[in-house]
Amino acid sequence: MMETKVEENKITFKTPHFSKYVVYVIVEKQNGESKLLVTGSNVNTNRLLILASLMGVAGVFIRKR
């Protein structure tokens, strides 16, 4: 374990090296089940991938003209 401080909405910890870390919170529901909090983006990556693909295909057709 590392030296860690929690102050309001900030988490501070000291580490001897730079690396990737995960900070997580498990919230207990009333029926006794545990669930991780939902974090991150609400962007649907499938839609972005389809849009990028369509733009690439359109670019190929425009270049051929």
PDB file of N, CA and C in Angstrom:
ATOM      1  N   MET A   1       0.835  -1.191   0.000  1.00  0.00           N
ATOM      2  CA  MET A   1       0.000   0.000   0.000  1.00  0.00           C
ATOM      3  C   MET A   1       0.870   1.240   0.000  1.00  0.00           C
ATOM      4  N   MET A   2       0.364   2.287  -0.611  1.00  0.00           N
ATOM      5  CA  MET A   2       1.074   3.557  -0.671  1.00  0.00           C
ATOM      6  C   MET A   2       0.501   4.524   0.354  1.00  0.00           C
ATOM      7  N   GLU A   3       1.298   5.524   0.636  1.00  0.00           N
ATOM      8  CA  GLU A   3       0.801   6.609   1.481  1.00  0.00           C
ATOM      9  C   GLU A   3      -0.258   7.364   0.676  1.00  0.00           C
ATOM     10  N   THR A   4      -1.484   7.413   1.187  1.00  0.00           N
ATOM     11  CA  THR A   4      -2.605   7.995   0.444  1.00  0.00           C
ATOM     12  C   THR A   4      -3.382   8.951   1.320  1.00  0.00           C
ATOM     13  N   LYS A   5      -3.831  10.073   0.725  1.00  0.00           N
ATOM     14  CA  LYS A   5      -4.683  11.043   1.423  1.00  0.00           C
ATOM     15  C   LYS A   5      -5.934  11.279   0.590  1.00  0.00           C
ATOM     16  N   VAL A   6      -7.062  11.366   1.259  1.00  0.00           N
ATOM     17  CA  VAL A   6      -8.325  11.705   0.593  1.00  0.00           C
ATOM     18  C   VAL A   6      -8.825  12.986   1.230  1.00  0.00           C
ATOM     19  N   GLU A   7      -8.923  14.044   0.417  1.00  0.00           N
ATOM     20  CA  GLU A   7      -9.413  15.340   0.880  1.00  0.00           C
ATOM     21  C   GLU A   7     -10.495  15.801  -0.080  1.00  0.00           C
ATOM     22  N   GLU A   8     -11.718  15.904   0.407  1.00  0.00           N
ATOM     23  CA  GLU A   8     -12.886  16.271  -0.401  1.00  0.00           C
ATOM     24  C   GLU A   8     -12.957  15.387  -1.635  1.00  0.00           C
ATOM     25  N   ASN A   9     -12.766  15.936  -2.838  1.00  0.00           N
ATOM     26  CA  ASN A   9     -12.858  15.143  -4.075  1.00  0.00           C
ATOM     27  C   ASN A   9     -11.497  14.818  -4.670  1.00  0.00           C
ATOM     28  N   LYS A  10     -10.415  14.934  -3.881  1.00  0.00           N
ATOM     29  CA  LYS A  10      -9.069  14.687  -4.376  1.00  0.00           C
ATOM     30  C   LYS A  10      -8.448  13.489  -3.675  1.00  0.00           C
ATOM     31  N   ILE A  11      -7.713  12.693  -4.435  1.00  0.00           N
ATOM     32  CA  ILE A  11      -6.934  11.592  -3.888  1.00  0.00           C
ATOM     33  C   ILE A  11      -5.479  11.881  -4.230  1.00  0.00           C
ATOM     34  N   THR A  12      -4.630  11.871  -3.215  1.00  0.00           N
ATOM     35  CA  THR A  12      -3.212  12.141  -3.415  1.00  0.00           C
ATOM     36  C   THR A  12      -2.412  10.969  -2.876  1.00  0.00           C
ATOM     37  N   PHE A  13      -1.429  10.503  -3.665  1.00  0.00           N
ATOM     38  CA  PHE A  13      -0.560   9.439  -3.177  1.00  0.00           C
ATOM     39  C   PHE A  13       0.847   9.644  -3.726  1.00  0.00           C
ATOM     40  N   LYS A  14       1.823   9.140  -2.986  1.00  0.00           N
ATOM     41  CA  LYS A  14       3.225   9.228  -3.388  1.00  0.00           C
ATOM     42  C   LYS A  14       3.657   7.891  -3.937  1.00  0.00           C
ATOM     43  N   THR A  15       4.450   7.946  -5.013  1.00  0.00           N
ATOM     44  CA  THR A  15       4.946   6.726  -5.627  1.00  0.00           C
ATOM     45  C   THR A  15       6.403   6.925  -6.026  1.00  0.00           C
ATOM     46  N   PRO A  16       7.209   5.891  -5.992  1.00  0.00           N
ATOM     47  CA  PRO A  16       8.615   6.032  -6.361  1.00  0.00           C
ATOM     48  C   PRO A  16       8.850   6.011  -7.878  1.00  0.00           C
ATOM     49  N   HIS A  17       7.820   5.744  -8.676  1.00  0.00           N
ATOM     50  CA  HIS A  17       7.991   5.668 -10.123  1.00  0.00           C
ATOM     51  C   HIS A  17       6.690   6.051 -10.808  1.00  0.00           C
ATOM     52  N   PHE A  18       6.798   6.407 -12.102  1.00  0.00           N
ATOM     53  CA  PHE A  18       5.629   6.752 -12.891  1.00  0.00           C
ATOM     54  C   PHE A  18       5.067   5.475 -13.499  1.00  0.00           C
ATOM     55  N   SER A  19       3.766   5.291 -13.356  1.00  0.00           N
ATOM     56  CA  SER A  19       3.103   4.131 -13.912  1.00  0.00           C
ATOM     57  C   SER A  19       1.613   4.423 -13.989  1.00  0.00           C
ATOM     58  N   LYS A  20       0.855   3.483 -14.501  1.00  0.00           N
ATOM     59  CA  LYS A  20      -0.595   3.622 -14.540  1.00  0.00           C
ATOM     60  C   LYS A  20      -1.181   3.043 -13.263  1.00  0.00           C
ATOM     61  N   TYR A  21      -2.158   3.727 -12.706  1.00  0.00           N
ATOM     62  CA  TYR A  21      -2.807   3.281 -11.481  1.00  0.00           C
ATOM     63  C   TYR A  21      -4.316   3.307 -11.666  1.00  0.00           C
ATOM     64  N   VAL A  22      -4.998   2.513 -10.894  1.00  0.00           N
ATOM     65  CA  VAL A  22      -6.452   2.460 -10.921  1.00  0.00           C
ATOM     66  C   VAL A  22      -6.968   2.841  -9.539  1.00  0.00           C
ATOM     67  N   VAL A  23      -7.911   3.770  -9.523  1.00  0.00           N
ATOM     68  CA  VAL A  23      -8.589   4.141  -8.286  1.00  0.00           C
ATOM     69  C   VAL A  23     -10.049   3.783  -8.483  1.00  0.00           C
ATOM     70  N   TYR A  24     -10.597   2.983  -7.592  1.00  0.00           N
ATOM     71  CA  TYR A  24     -11.976   2.551  -7.757  1.00  0.00           C
ATOM     72  C   TYR A  24     -12.705   2.580  -6.428  1.00  0.00           C
ATOM     73  N   VAL A  25     -14.032   2.651  -6.525  1.00  0.00           N
ATOM     74  CA  VAL A  25     -14.901   2.653  -5.353  1.00  0.00           C
ATOM     75  C   VAL A  25     -15.979   1.616  -5.590  1.00  0.00           C
ATOM     76  N   ILE A  26     -16.215   0.760  -4.608  1.00  0.00           N
ATOM     77  CA  ILE A  26     -17.307  -0.204  -4.683  1.00  0.00           C
ATOM     78  C   ILE A  26     -18.433   0.308  -3.799  1.00  0.00           C
ATOM     79  N   VAL A  27     -19.613   0.435  -4.382  1.00  0.00           N
ATOM     80  CA  VAL A  27     -20.780   0.929  -3.664  1.00  0.00           C
ATOM     81  C   VAL A  27     -21.682  -0.254  -3.348  1.00  0.00           C
ATOM     82  N   GLU A  28     -22.078  -0.397  -2.119  1.00  0.00           N
ATOM     83  CA  GLU A  28     -22.965  -1.499  -1.718  1.00  0.00           C
ATOM     84  C   GLU A  28     -24.413  -1.077  -1.944  1.00  0.00           C
ATOM     85  N   LYS A  29     -25.176  -1.930  -2.585  1.00  0.00           N
ATOM     86  CA  LYS A  29     -26.609  -1.687  -2.763  1.00  0.00           C
ATOM     87  C   LYS A  29     -27.362  -2.174  -1.529  1.00  0.00           C
ATOM     88  N   GLN A  30     -28.643  -1.847  -1.462  1.00  0.00           N
ATOM     89  CA  GLN A  30     -29.447  -2.233  -0.303  1.00  0.00           C
ATOM     90  C   GLN A  30     -29.639  -3.740  -0.201  1.00  0.00           C
ATOM     91  N   ASN A  31     -29.673  -4.454  -1.328  1.00  0.00           N
ATOM     92  CA  ASN A  31     -29.897  -5.901  -1.294  1.00  0.00           C
ATOM     93  C   ASN A  31     -28.605  -6.685  -1.061  1.00  0.00           C
ATOM     94  N   GLY A  32     -27.503  -5.991  -0.764  1.00  0.00           N
ATOM     95  CA  GLY A  32     -26.260  -6.653  -0.427  1.00  0.00           C
ATOM     96  C   GLY A  32     -25.300  -6.860  -1.580  1.00  0.00           C
ATOM     97  N   GLU A  33     -25.720  -6.556  -2.811  1.00  0.00           N
ATOM     98  CA  GLU A  33     -24.838  -6.703  -3.964  1.00  0.00           C
ATOM     99  C   GLU A  33     -23.878  -5.524  -4.030  1.00  0.00           C
ATOM    100  N   SER A  34     -22.704  -5.755  -4.590  1.00  0.00           N
ATOM    101  CA  SER A  34     -21.729  -4.696  -4.798  1.00  0.00           C
ATOM    102  C   SER A  34     -21.697  -4.324  -6.275  1.00  0.00           C
ATOM    103  N   LYS A  35     -21.450  -3.051  -6.548  1.00  0.00           N
ATOM    104  CA  LYS A  35     -21.399  -2.591  -7.923  1.00  0.00           C
ATOM    105  C   LYS A  35     -20.348  -1.497  -8.025  1.00  0.00           C
ATOM    106  N   LEU A  36     -19.531  -1.523  -9.097  1.00  0.00           N
ATOM    107  CA  LEU A  36     -18.566  -0.458  -9.334  1.00  0.00           C
ATOM    108  C   LEU A  36     -19.290   0.767  -9.864  1.00  0.00           C
ATOM    109  N   LEU A  37     -18.803   1.942  -9.494  1.00  0.00           N
ATOM    110  CA  LEU A  37     -19.371   3.175 -10.019  1.00  0.00           C
ATOM    111  C   LEU A  37     -19.082   3.277 -11.506  1.00  0.00           C
ATOM    112  N   VAL A  38     -19.999   3.859 -12.267  1.00  0.00           N
ATOM    113  CA  VAL A  38     -19.825   4.046 -13.699  1.00  0.00           C
ATOM    114  C   VAL A  38     -19.071   5.351 -13.907  1.00  0.00           C
ATOM    115  N   THR A  39     -17.946   5.278 -14.599  1.00  0.00           N
ATOM    116  CA  THR A  39     -17.158   6.471 -14.894  1.00  0.00           C
ATOM    117  C   THR A  39     -16.821   6.479 -16.368  1.00  0.00           C
ATOM    118  N   GLY A  40     -16.272   7.558 -16.834  1.00  0.00           N
ATOM    119  CA  GLY A  40     -15.826   7.631 -18.222  1.00  0.00           C
ATOM    120  C   GLY A  40     -16.804   8.361 -19.107  1.00  0.00           C
ATOM    121  N   SER A  41     -16.643   8.166 -20.366  1.00  0.00           N
ATOM    122  CA  SER A  41     -17.403   8.895 -21.369  1.00  0.00           C
ATOM    123  C   SER A  41     -18.688   8.163 -21.738  1.00  0.00           C
ATOM    124  N   ASN A  42     -19.683   8.934 -22.155  1.00  0.00           N
ATOM    125  CA  ASN A  42     -20.937   8.367 -22.630  1.00  0.00           C
ATOM    126  C   ASN A  42     -20.964   8.245 -24.151  1.00  0.00           C
ATOM    127  N   VAL A  43     -19.833   8.521 -24.809  1.00  0.00           N
ATOM    128  CA  VAL A  43     -19.768   8.480 -26.266  1.00  0.00           C
ATOM    129  C   VAL A  43     -19.795   7.027 -26.728  1.00  0.00           C
ATOM    130  N   ASN A  44     -20.649   6.759 -27.692  1.00  0.00           N
ATOM    131  CA  ASN A  44     -20.750   5.422 -28.267  1.00  0.00           C
ATOM    132  C   ASN A  44     -19.640   5.261 -29.301  1.00  0.00           C
ATOM    133  N   THR A  45     -18.634   4.449 -29.006  1.00  0.00           N
ATOM    134  CA  THR A  45     -17.486   4.299 -29.900  1.00  0.00           C
ATOM    135  C   THR A  45     -17.858   3.634 -31.221  1.00  0.00           C
ATOM    136  N   ASN A  46     -18.891   2.823 -31.226  1.00  0.00           N
ATOM    137  CA  ASN A  46     -19.321   2.193 -32.490  1.00  0.00           C
ATOM    138  C   ASN A  46     -19.780   3.248 -33.481  1.00  0.00           C
ATOM    139  N   ARG A  47     -20.509   4.226 -33.012  1.00  0.00           N
ATOM    140  CA  ARG A  47     -20.978   5.292 -33.908  1.00  0.00           C
ATOM    141  C   ARG A  47     -19.805   6.105 -34.447  1.00  0.00           C
ATOM    142  N   LEU A  48     -18.814   6.372 -33.594  1.00  0.00           N
ATOM    143  CA  LEU A  48     -17.641   7.110 -34.058  1.00  0.00           C
ATOM    144  C   LEU A  48     -16.872   6.319 -35.101  1.00  0.00           C
ATOM    145  N   LEU A  49     -16.756   5.019 -34.912  1.00  0.00           N
ATOM    146  CA  LEU A  49     -16.054   4.168 -35.866  1.00  0.00           C
ATOM    147  C   LEU A  49     -16.779   4.138 -37.211  1.00  0.00           C
ATOM    148  N   ILE A  50     -18.086   4.030 -37.178  1.00  0.00           N
ATOM    149  CA  ILE A  50     -18.879   4.034 -38.416  1.00  0.00           C
ATOM    150  C   ILE A  50     -18.738   5.372 -39.134  1.00  0.00           C
ATOM    151  N   LEU A  51     -18.803   6.466 -38.388  1.00  0.00           N
ATOM    152  CA  LEU A  51     -18.669   7.796 -38.983  1.00  0.00           C
ATOM    153  C   LEU A  51     -17.297   7.968 -39.621  1.00  0.00           C
ATOM    154  N   ALA A  52     -16.244   7.539 -38.938  1.00  0.00           N
ATOM    155  CA  ALA A  52     -14.891   7.646 -39.489  1.00  0.00           C
ATOM    156  C   ALA A  52     -14.751   6.791 -40.743  1.00  0.00           C
ATOM    157  N   SER A  53     -15.342   5.610 -40.754  1.00  0.00           N
ATOM    158  CA  SER A  53     -15.292   4.738 -41.927  1.00  0.00           C
ATOM    159  C   SER A  53     -16.009   5.369 -43.110  1.00  0.00           C
ATOM    160  N   LEU A  54     -17.174   5.928 -42.864  1.00  0.00           N
ATOM    161  CA  LEU A  54     -17.922   6.583 -43.944  1.00  0.00           C
ATOM    162  C   LEU A  54     -17.158   7.775 -44.501  1.00  0.00           C
ATOM    163  N   MET A  55     -16.503   8.533 -43.631  1.00  0.00           N
ATOM    164  CA  MET A  55     -15.716   9.673 -44.094  1.00  0.00           C
ATOM    165  C   MET A  55     -14.526   9.198 -44.931  1.00  0.00           C
ATOM    166  N   GLY A  56     -13.906   8.090 -44.551  1.00  0.00           N
ATOM    167  CA  GLY A  56     -12.800   7.541 -45.325  1.00  0.00           C
ATOM    168  C   GLY A  56     -13.243   7.084 -46.696  1.00  0.00           C
ATOM    169  N   VAL A  57     -14.368   6.393 -46.751  1.00  0.00           N
ATOM    170  CA  VAL A  57     -14.904   5.927 -48.040  1.00  0.00           C
ATOM    171  C   VAL A  57     -15.275   7.122 -48.909  1.00  0.00           C
ATOM    172  N   ALA A  58     -15.894   8.128 -48.343  1.00  0.00           N
ATOM    173  CA  ALA A  58     -16.256   9.329 -49.108  1.00  0.00           C
ATOM    174  C   ALA A  58     -14.999  10.010 -49.632  1.00  0.00           C
ATOM    175  N   GLY A  59     -13.947  10.057 -48.835  1.00  0.00           N
ATOM    176  CA  GLY A  59     -12.702  10.666 -49.274  1.00  0.00           C
ATOM    177  C   GLY A  59     -12.084   9.939 -50.464  1.00  0.00           C
ATOM    178  N   VAL A  60     -12.173   8.604 -50.470  1.00  0.00           N
ATOM    179  CA  VAL A  60     -11.650   7.806 -51.586  1.00  0.00           C
ATOM    180  C   VAL A  60     -12.434   8.107 -52.841  1.00  0.00           C
ATOM    181  N   PHE A  61     -13.762   8.178 -52.769  1.00  0.00           N
ATOM    182  CA  PHE A  61     -14.564   8.458 -53.962  1.00  0.00           C
ATOM    183  C   PHE A  61     -14.335   9.871 -54.471  1.00  0.00           C
ATOM    184  N   ILE A  62     -14.151  10.821 -53.589  1.00  0.00           N
ATOM    185  CA  ILE A  62     -13.927  12.206 -54.019  1.00  0.00           C
ATOM    186  C   ILE A  62     -12.571  12.318 -54.717  1.00  0.00           C
ATOM    187  N   ARG A  63     -11.559  11.624 -54.219  1.00  0.00           N
ATOM    188  CA  ARG A  63     -10.218  11.670 -54.832  1.00  0.00           C
ATOM    189  C   ARG A  63     -10.211  11.052 -56.240  1.00  0.00           C
ATOM    190  N   LYS A  64     -11.026  10.017 -56.444  1.00  0.00           N
ATOM    191  CA  LYS A  64     -11.044   9.352 -57.748  1.00  0.00           C
ATOM    192  C   LYS A  64     -11.637  10.229 -58.839  1.00  0.00           C
ATOM    193  N   ARG A  65     -12.453  11.185 -58.466  1.00  0.00           N
ATOM    194  CA  ARG A  65     -13.096  12.055 -59.478  1.00  0.00           C
ATOM    195  C   ARG A  65     -12.161  13.022 -60.004  1.00  0.00           C
TER     196      ARG A  65
END
